[in-house]
Protein backbone atom coordinates (compact mmCIF):
# COMPACT_ATOMS: atom_id res chain seq x y z
CA MET A 1 -34.41 1.05 12.02
CA ARG A 2 -32.81 -1.75 9.96
CA TYR A 3 -35.52 -1.25 7.32
CA ARG A 4 -34.42 1.53 4.97
CA ASP A 5 -37.89 2.84 4.10
CA TYR A 6 -38.98 2.87 7.73
CA ALA A 7 -35.80 4.74 8.70
CA LEU A 8 -36.51 7.37 6.02
CA PHE A 9 -40.12 7.71 7.13
CA TRP A 10 -39.16 7.94 10.82
CA SER A 11 -36.47 10.57 10.29
CA SER A 12 -38.66 12.66 7.96
CA ASP A 13 -41.55 12.56 10.42
CA LEU A 14 -39.21 13.49 13.28
CA LEU A 15 -37.89 16.50 11.38
CA GLY A 16 -41.37 17.73 10.53
CA SER A 17 -42.52 17.24 14.14
CA LEU A 18 -39.55 19.17 15.54
CA GLY A 19 -40.38 22.11 13.32
CA HIS A 20 -44.05 21.93 14.22
CA PHE A 21 -43.41 22.08 17.98
CA VAL A 22 -41.06 25.04 17.58
CA GLN A 23 -43.77 26.79 15.59
CA GLU A 24 -46.50 25.85 18.08
CA VAL A 25 -44.73 27.51 21.01
CA ALA A 26 -44.30 30.65 18.92
CA LEU A 27 -47.94 30.55 17.82
CA TYR A 28 -49.45 30.36 21.30
CA TRP A 29 -46.95 32.83 22.72
CA ILE A 30 -47.78 35.50 20.14
CA ALA A 31 -51.51 34.75 20.43
CA TYR A 32 -51.46 35.30 24.20
CA GLU A 33 -49.38 38.45 23.79
CA ILE A 34 -51.93 39.82 21.31
CA THR A 35 -55.05 38.93 23.31
CA GLY A 36 -54.05 38.26 26.94
CA SER A 37 -57.00 35.85 27.02
CA ALA A 38 -57.17 32.16 27.92
CA MET A 39 -60.43 31.91 25.98
CA ALA A 40 -58.66 33.23 22.89
CA LEU A 41 -56.18 30.35 23.13
CA GLY A 42 -59.13 27.97 23.25
CA ILE A 43 -60.67 29.54 20.14
CA LEU A 44 -57.31 29.28 18.36
CA GLY A 45 -57.17 25.59 19.22
CA LEU A 46 -60.72 25.18 17.92
CA CYS A 47 -59.76 26.62 14.53
CA GLY A 48 -56.74 24.35 14.26
CA ALA A 49 -58.51 21.13 15.25
CA ALA A 50 -62.01 21.56 13.79
CA PRO A 51 -60.94 20.75 10.19
CA ARG A 52 -59.47 17.47 11.41
CA LEU A 53 -62.79 16.57 12.99
CA LEU A 54 -64.79 17.45 9.90
CA LEU A 55 -62.40 16.02 7.29
CA GLY A 56 -60.47 13.32 9.15
CA ALA A 57 -62.95 10.44 8.75
CA LEU A 58 -63.50 11.21 5.06
CA GLY A 59 -59.73 11.27 4.68
CA GLY A 60 -59.63 7.67 5.90
CA VAL A 61 -61.29 6.58 2.66
CA LEU A 62 -58.56 8.41 0.69
CA VAL A 63 -55.89 6.68 2.78
CA ASP A 64 -57.36 3.27 1.94
CA ARG A 65 -57.78 4.14 -1.75
CA TYR A 66 -54.60 5.96 -2.73
CA ASP A 67 -50.82 5.76 -2.40
CA ARG A 68 -50.13 6.75 1.23
CA LYS A 69 -46.57 7.85 0.50
CA ARG A 70 -47.72 10.34 -2.14
CA LEU A 71 -50.43 11.65 0.13
CA LEU A 72 -47.86 12.33 2.86
CA ILE A 73 -45.48 14.08 0.47
CA LEU A 74 -48.26 16.34 -0.84
CA ILE A 75 -49.36 17.18 2.70
CA GLN A 76 -45.84 18.27 3.68
CA PHE A 77 -45.41 20.58 0.69
CA PHE A 78 -48.90 22.07 0.82
CA SER A 79 -48.43 22.73 4.56
CA THR A 80 -45.85 25.36 3.67
CA LEU A 81 -48.63 27.60 2.29
CA PRO A 82 -50.13 28.74 5.64
CA VAL A 83 -46.61 29.17 7.04
CA LEU A 84 -45.70 31.49 4.16
CA ILE A 85 -48.92 33.48 4.65
CA PHE A 86 -48.14 34.00 8.33
CA LEU A 87 -44.57 35.12 7.58
CA ILE A 88 -45.75 37.65 5.01
CA VAL A 89 -48.42 39.17 7.27
CA TYR A 90 -46.12 39.18 10.30
CA THR A 91 -43.23 40.74 8.39
CA LEU A 92 -45.51 43.51 7.12
CA GLY A 93 -46.49 44.30 10.72
CA ALA A 94 -50.16 43.73 10.01
CA LEU A 95 -50.73 40.61 12.16
CA LYS A 96 -54.06 40.43 14.01
CA PHE A 97 -55.60 37.62 16.01
CA TRP A 98 -58.06 36.80 13.22
CA HIS A 99 -55.07 36.18 10.92
CA LEU A 100 -53.90 33.47 13.31
CA LEU A 101 -57.35 31.91 13.27
CA ALA A 102 -57.51 31.87 9.46
CA VAL A 103 -54.02 30.41 9.11
CA GLU A 104 -54.80 27.66 11.65
CA ILE A 105 -58.00 26.72 9.80
CA LEU A 106 -56.04 26.39 6.55
CA PHE A 107 -53.23 24.45 8.20
CA GLY A 108 -55.64 22.08 9.95
CA SER A 109 -57.53 21.45 6.71
CA ILE A 110 -54.37 20.56 4.81
CA ARG A 111 -53.13 18.18 7.51
CA ALA A 112 -56.48 16.52 8.32
CA VAL A 113 -55.46 13.29 6.56
CA ASN A 114 -51.87 13.26 7.87
CA PRO A 115 -52.35 11.24 11.12
CA SER A 116 -54.26 8.41 9.44
CA ALA A 117 -51.85 8.23 6.50
CA SER A 118 -48.78 8.27 8.75
CA GLN A 119 -50.01 5.59 11.13
CA SER A 120 -51.48 3.37 8.39
CA ILE A 121 -48.30 3.33 6.31
CA LEU A 122 -46.34 1.72 9.17
CA ALA A 123 -47.84 -1.68 8.33
CA GLU A 124 -46.41 -1.36 4.81
CA LEU A 125 -42.89 -0.45 5.92
CA VAL A 126 -42.10 -3.33 8.33
CA PRO A 127 -43.12 -6.99 8.70
CA ARG A 128 -46.07 -7.74 10.96
CA GLU A 129 -43.85 -9.25 13.68
CA ASP A 130 -41.99 -5.93 14.02
CA LEU A 131 -45.13 -3.79 14.09
CA MET A 132 -45.14 -3.22 17.87
CA ASN A 133 -41.56 -1.97 17.75
CA ALA A 134 -42.32 0.20 14.73
CA VAL A 135 -45.30 1.86 16.42
CA SER A 136 -43.30 2.34 19.65
CA LEU A 137 -40.31 3.83 17.85
CA TYR A 138 -42.59 6.09 15.82
CA THR A 139 -44.14 7.30 19.07
CA ILE A 140 -40.73 7.76 20.67
CA GLY A 141 -39.66 9.94 17.75
CA PHE A 142 -42.78 12.10 18.04
CA ASN A 143 -42.29 12.55 21.76
CA PHE A 144 -38.58 13.25 21.37
CA ALA A 145 -39.69 16.09 19.11
CA ARG A 146 -42.19 17.09 21.79
CA ILE A 147 -39.32 17.42 24.25
CA ILE A 148 -36.78 19.19 22.06
CA GLY A 149 -39.17 21.26 19.93
CA PRO A 150 -40.89 23.30 22.70
CA SER A 151 -37.59 23.81 24.55
CA LEU A 152 -36.00 25.10 21.36
CA GLY A 153 -39.07 27.19 20.65
CA GLY A 154 -38.93 28.89 24.03
CA ILE A 155 -35.27 29.78 23.48
CA LEU A 156 -35.60 30.67 19.82
CA ILE A 157 -38.40 33.15 20.50
CA LEU A 158 -35.81 35.14 22.43
CA TRP A 159 -32.99 34.62 19.91
CA ILE A 160 -34.65 34.90 16.49
CA GLY A 161 -38.23 35.89 17.29
CA VAL A 162 -41.57 34.43 16.26
CA ALA A 163 -40.84 34.85 12.53
CA GLY A 164 -37.60 32.90 12.92
CA CYS A 165 -39.49 30.01 14.54
CA TYR A 166 -41.91 29.92 11.62
CA GLY A 167 -38.97 30.02 9.20
CA ILE A 168 -37.50 26.93 10.86
CA PHE A 169 -40.86 25.17 10.51
CA LEU A 170 -40.99 26.06 6.80
CA ILE A 171 -37.55 24.53 6.21
CA SER A 172 -38.42 21.40 8.20
CA LEU A 173 -41.55 20.82 6.09
CA ILE A 174 -39.60 21.06 2.83
CA LEU A 175 -36.85 18.72 4.04
CA SER A 176 -39.39 16.28 5.44
CA GLY A 177 -41.23 16.11 2.11
CA CYS A 178 -37.95 15.49 0.28
CA GLY A 179 -37.08 12.68 2.70
CA LEU A 180 -40.43 10.96 2.16
CA ALA A 181 -39.89 11.14 -1.60
CA LEU A 182 -36.83 8.89 -1.20
CA ILE A 183 -38.93 5.99 0.13
CA ARG A 184 -39.01 3.19 -2.44
CA LEU A 185 -42.36 1.80 -1.34
CA GLN A 186 -44.60 1.15 -4.33
CA ASP A 187 -48.27 1.19 -3.39
CA GLN A 188 -50.19 -0.64 -6.09
CA ARG A 189 -53.62 0.48 -5.00
CA ALA A 190 -55.57 2.68 -7.37
CA ALA A 191 -58.92 4.34 -7.05
CA ASN A 192 -61.82 2.40 -8.53
CA PRO A 193 -64.41 4.82 -9.96
CA GLU A 194 -67.08 2.20 -9.45
CA GLN A 195 -66.55 2.10 -5.71
CA ASP A 196 -69.13 3.87 -3.58
CA PHE A 197 -67.36 6.53 -1.49
CA VAL A 198 -70.24 6.79 0.98
CA ARG A 199 -70.42 3.02 1.43
CA GLU A 200 -66.67 2.84 2.05
CA PHE A 201 -67.01 5.66 4.56
CA LYS A 202 -69.73 3.81 6.46
CA GLN A 203 -67.79 0.54 6.51
CA GLY A 204 -65.16 2.04 8.79
CA PHE A 205 -67.76 3.10 11.38
CA GLN A 206 -69.60 -0.22 11.12
CA TYR A 207 -66.44 -2.18 11.85
CA VAL A 208 -65.61 0.02 14.85
CA TRP A 209 -69.13 -0.32 16.25
CA ALA A 210 -68.87 -4.13 16.06
CA SER A 211 -65.48 -4.22 17.85
CA PRO A 212 -66.01 -3.49 21.58
CA LEU A 213 -62.37 -2.97 22.58
CA ILE A 214 -61.60 -0.69 19.64
CA LEU A 215 -64.86 1.19 20.21
CA SER A 216 -64.08 1.69 23.90
CA SER A 217 -60.58 2.96 23.21
CA ILE A 218 -61.94 5.40 20.63
CA VAL A 219 -64.62 6.72 23.02
CA ALA A 220 -61.95 7.15 25.69
CA ALA A 221 -59.73 8.97 23.17
CA TYR A 222 -62.61 11.37 22.38
CA THR A 223 -63.14 11.95 26.10
CA PHE A 224 -59.47 12.73 26.57
CA SER A 225 -59.55 15.15 23.66
CA ILE A 226 -62.50 17.08 25.05
CA PHE A 227 -61.42 17.26 28.70
CA ILE A 228 -57.66 16.63 28.88
CA VAL A 229 -55.42 16.88 25.82
CA THR A 230 -55.61 20.61 25.07
CA TYR A 231 -54.24 21.55 28.50
CA GLN A 232 -50.90 22.40 26.85
CA ARG A 233 -52.50 25.27 24.96
CA PHE A 234 -52.98 27.00 28.32
CA MET A 235 -49.39 26.65 29.47
CA PRO A 236 -48.67 30.31 28.55
CA VAL A 237 -51.15 31.26 31.29
CA PHE A 238 -49.31 29.11 33.85
CA ALA A 239 -45.89 30.32 32.65
CA LYS A 240 -46.80 34.03 32.73
CA GLU A 241 -49.28 34.41 35.57
CA ILE A 242 -48.86 31.48 37.97
CA PHE A 243 -45.17 30.51 37.86
CA GLU A 244 -43.81 33.73 36.24
CA VAL A 245 -41.07 31.84 34.38
CA GLY A 246 -41.17 33.43 30.90
CA PRO A 247 -40.55 31.73 27.53
CA GLU A 248 -37.82 29.43 28.88
CA GLY A 249 -40.15 28.11 31.58
CA LEU A 250 -42.91 27.73 29.00
CA GLY A 251 -40.59 25.57 26.93
CA LEU A 252 -39.97 23.29 29.94
CA LEU A 253 -43.69 23.02 30.73
CA MET A 254 -44.47 22.02 27.16
CA ALA A 255 -41.52 19.64 26.90
CA ALA A 256 -42.19 17.78 30.17
CA PRO A 257 -45.03 15.62 28.80
CA GLY A 258 -42.73 14.39 26.03
CA ILE A 259 -40.09 13.29 28.56
CA GLY A 260 -42.69 11.32 30.48
CA ALA A 261 -44.00 9.85 27.24
CA ILE A 262 -40.61 8.40 26.27
CA ALA A 263 -40.17 6.91 29.74
CA SER A 264 -43.59 5.27 29.52
CA LEU A 265 -42.75 3.65 26.18
CA THR A 266 -39.87 1.79 27.84
CA PHE A 267 -42.33 0.46 30.39
CA LEU A 268 -44.77 -0.63 27.69
CA ALA A 269 -42.05 -2.49 25.83
CA SER A 270 -41.43 -4.63 28.91
CA VAL A 271 -44.99 -5.33 30.08
CA GLY A 272 -47.29 -4.48 27.18
CA GLU A 273 -47.46 -8.04 25.83
CA ARG A 274 -48.04 -9.64 29.24
CA TRP A 275 -50.77 -7.36 30.55
CA ASN A 276 -54.35 -7.37 29.38
CA ARG A 277 -54.64 -4.44 26.94
CA ALA A 278 -58.08 -3.46 28.22
CA TRP A 279 -56.70 -3.13 31.76
CA LEU A 280 -53.77 -1.07 30.49
CA LEU A 281 -56.20 1.28 28.76
CA TRP A 282 -58.20 1.66 31.96
CA ILE A 283 -55.09 2.31 34.06
CA THR A 284 -53.75 4.99 31.73
CA THR A 285 -57.10 6.77 31.37
CA THR A 286 -57.37 6.84 35.17
CA LEU A 287 -53.88 8.02 36.07
CA THR A 288 -53.60 10.72 33.41
CA PRO A 289 -56.38 13.01 34.73
CA ILE A 290 -55.27 12.39 38.32
CA PHE A 291 -51.78 13.69 37.54
CA LEU A 292 -53.25 16.70 35.72
CA ILE A 293 -55.35 17.54 38.78
CA LEU A 294 -52.22 17.33 40.96
CA PHE A 295 -50.40 19.64 38.52
CA CYS A 296 -53.17 22.19 38.82
CA LEU A 297 -52.88 22.08 42.62
CA SER A 298 -49.07 22.33 42.72
CA PRO A 299 -47.57 25.74 43.67
CA VAL A 300 -43.96 24.69 42.94
CA PHE A 301 -42.65 24.98 39.37
CA TRP A 302 -40.33 21.94 39.34
CA ILE A 303 -42.92 19.70 40.98
CA SER A 304 -45.37 20.85 38.35
CA VAL A 305 -42.89 19.96 35.57
CA ILE A 306 -42.57 16.43 37.00
CA LEU A 307 -46.35 16.06 37.23
CA LEU A 308 -46.72 17.16 33.61
CA GLY A 309 -44.23 14.45 32.74
CA MET A 310 -46.55 11.92 34.37
CA VAL A 311 -49.49 13.35 32.44
CA GLY A 312 -47.56 12.85 29.21
CA ALA A 313 -46.62 9.29 30.22
CA GLY A 314 -50.24 8.30 30.74
CA GLN A 315 -51.44 10.07 27.64
CA VAL A 316 -48.95 8.53 25.23
CA SER A 317 -49.28 5.08 26.80
CA PHE A 318 -53.00 5.18 26.13
CA ARG A 319 -52.58 6.24 22.49
CA THR A 320 -49.80 3.73 21.83
CA ILE A 321 -51.80 0.79 23.19
CA SER A 322 -54.86 1.90 21.24
CA ARG A 323 -52.91 2.19 17.97
CA VAL A 324 -51.34 -1.24 18.41
CA ILE A 325 -54.77 -2.78 19.03
CA ILE A 326 -56.09 -1.20 15.83
CA GLN A 327 -53.03 -2.19 13.78
CA ILE A 328 -53.36 -5.82 14.92
CA GLU A 329 -57.13 -6.30 14.83
CA ALA A 330 -58.29 -4.17 11.89
CA PRO A 331 -58.22 -5.72 8.37
CA ARG A 332 -55.63 -4.17 6.01
CA ASP A 333 -58.32 -2.89 3.61
CA LEU A 334 -60.11 -1.11 6.47
CA LEU A 335 -57.07 0.07 8.42
CA GLY A 336 -57.05 3.62 7.07
CA ARG A 337 -60.74 4.12 7.80
CA VAL A 338 -60.58 2.60 11.29
CA MET A 339 -57.47 4.63 12.10
CA SER A 340 -59.19 7.76 10.80
CA VAL A 341 -62.14 7.18 13.17
CA PHE A 342 -59.66 6.87 16.01
CA ASN A 343 -57.74 9.97 14.86
CA MET A 344 -60.95 11.99 14.88
CA ASP A 345 -59.99 12.51 18.52
CA GLN A 346 -57.54 15.11 17.19
CA GLY A 347 -60.51 16.93 15.70
CA MET A 348 -62.35 16.61 19.00
CA ARG A 349 -59.62 18.82 20.41
CA SER A 350 -61.45 21.70 18.73
CA LEU A 351 -64.30 21.18 21.16
CA GLY A 352 -61.81 20.50 23.93
CA SER A 353 -60.10 23.86 23.36
CA VAL A 354 -63.41 25.65 23.82
CA VAL A 355 -64.39 23.57 26.87
CA LEU A 356 -61.07 24.10 28.61
CA GLY A 357 -60.99 27.73 27.53
CA ALA A 358 -64.45 28.31 29.03
CA PHE A 359 -63.54 26.54 32.29
CA ALA A 360 -60.21 28.45 32.50
CA THR A 361 -62.03 31.75 31.92
CA LEU A 362 -64.80 31.07 34.43
CA PHE A 363 -62.78 29.43 37.22
CA GLY A 364 -59.19 30.38 36.47
CA ALA A 365 -56.62 28.20 34.70
CA SER A 366 -55.76 25.97 37.68
CA LEU A 367 -59.26 25.20 38.92
CA GLY A 368 -60.74 25.09 35.42
CA LEU A 369 -58.32 22.42 34.16
CA ALA A 370 -58.70 20.43 37.38
CA LEU A 371 -62.48 20.33 36.92
CA THR A 372 -62.27 19.11 33.31
CA ALA A 373 -59.76 16.43 34.35
CA GLY A 374 -62.20 15.28 37.00
CA LEU A 375 -64.96 14.95 34.40
CA SER A 376 -62.67 12.86 32.20
CA LEU A 377 -61.85 10.59 35.13
CA ILE A 378 -65.54 9.93 35.85
CA ILE A 379 -66.42 9.17 32.21
CA THR A 380 -63.50 6.86 31.42
CA THR A 381 -63.74 4.99 34.73
CA THR A 382 -67.39 4.25 34.03
CA LEU A 383 -66.66 3.25 30.43
CA PHE A 384 -63.91 0.74 31.22
CA TYR A 385 -65.67 -0.63 34.28
CA ARG A 386 -68.49 -1.73 32.00
CA LEU A 387 -66.11 -3.04 29.34
CA LEU A 388 -64.06 -5.15 31.73
CA GLY A 389 -67.19 -6.34 33.48
CA LYS A 390 -68.51 -7.74 30.19
CA ARG A 391 -65.18 -9.38 29.35
CA ALA A 392 -64.69 -10.93 32.80
């Protein structure tokens, strides 16, 4: 945090993330109240994540071509548009489920480039020798927001209602954009009209395909997104029907993974440089689904909260190690495109929402999520067994 521009970026991102998690709790709470359907939550997740899948990789070319700071500022301010639309419709008392779907599609489209731009700009804000700490601190900030945001959201739904939660998100986006504008970073890159957009797009995939460790981490990330990551979108089902704990309990269930994530980052800081990164990836992709299966089997609320913390620890450890590998190994001129291929896992969550929603509908939330976690465990174990066998 001794670098001024990094401190501004970190604090602005933290503020925006806090608002987003407050809004997300309100979104899924009102969606489940309207529909009473686990499958509807899956469809809602599909609409939010699909634009990131379709536009994310193309956005990587923009990240490598244009000023990343300006892109991030524009994203923050344009993101206020779907929030305003929701507030108007909700205030008029006309809100329907299809309105939520439309707003999520718009929001996901606007923010499709945000993950790649945010993670790529880190290399421009700190020296290379401080990159591991910068990535870790960035992740800590995000997961701090993941702890505080849902807890606040669960309480604020009771205090100021769903509209109040969206109002807080609106303010956080505006303040975050203003904070980013204070960064003094001057990106000298400019678009070259003679460059071939399609060729640049392909270069990112070609580099990933030729890099076995990066490729394996990306495939594992896609697997997680399809079978694991969207489990939090079904926490309203567990809070209402299984544990019967209401909005406050929902906030704890959604915050628990963030607590585990921060704890895991302390562990990574002490052993991450000494352990083989491929082995660390395998360990985290193995333990994460195991803990999710145990959560699904647990009948006790507080034990379930602890198990969700372990799920979050494994999940964020995997993503942090993967991002550091990409930041270190990928060339600067390809970093945005390689990171965008990795961040397509966020778009894969659209498919994951439908998969988990279908399993939760057919088998019930507990058994359905346990089955998808088991599938993830089989796929990633096979993937990393082959990778480590080749590298041995």
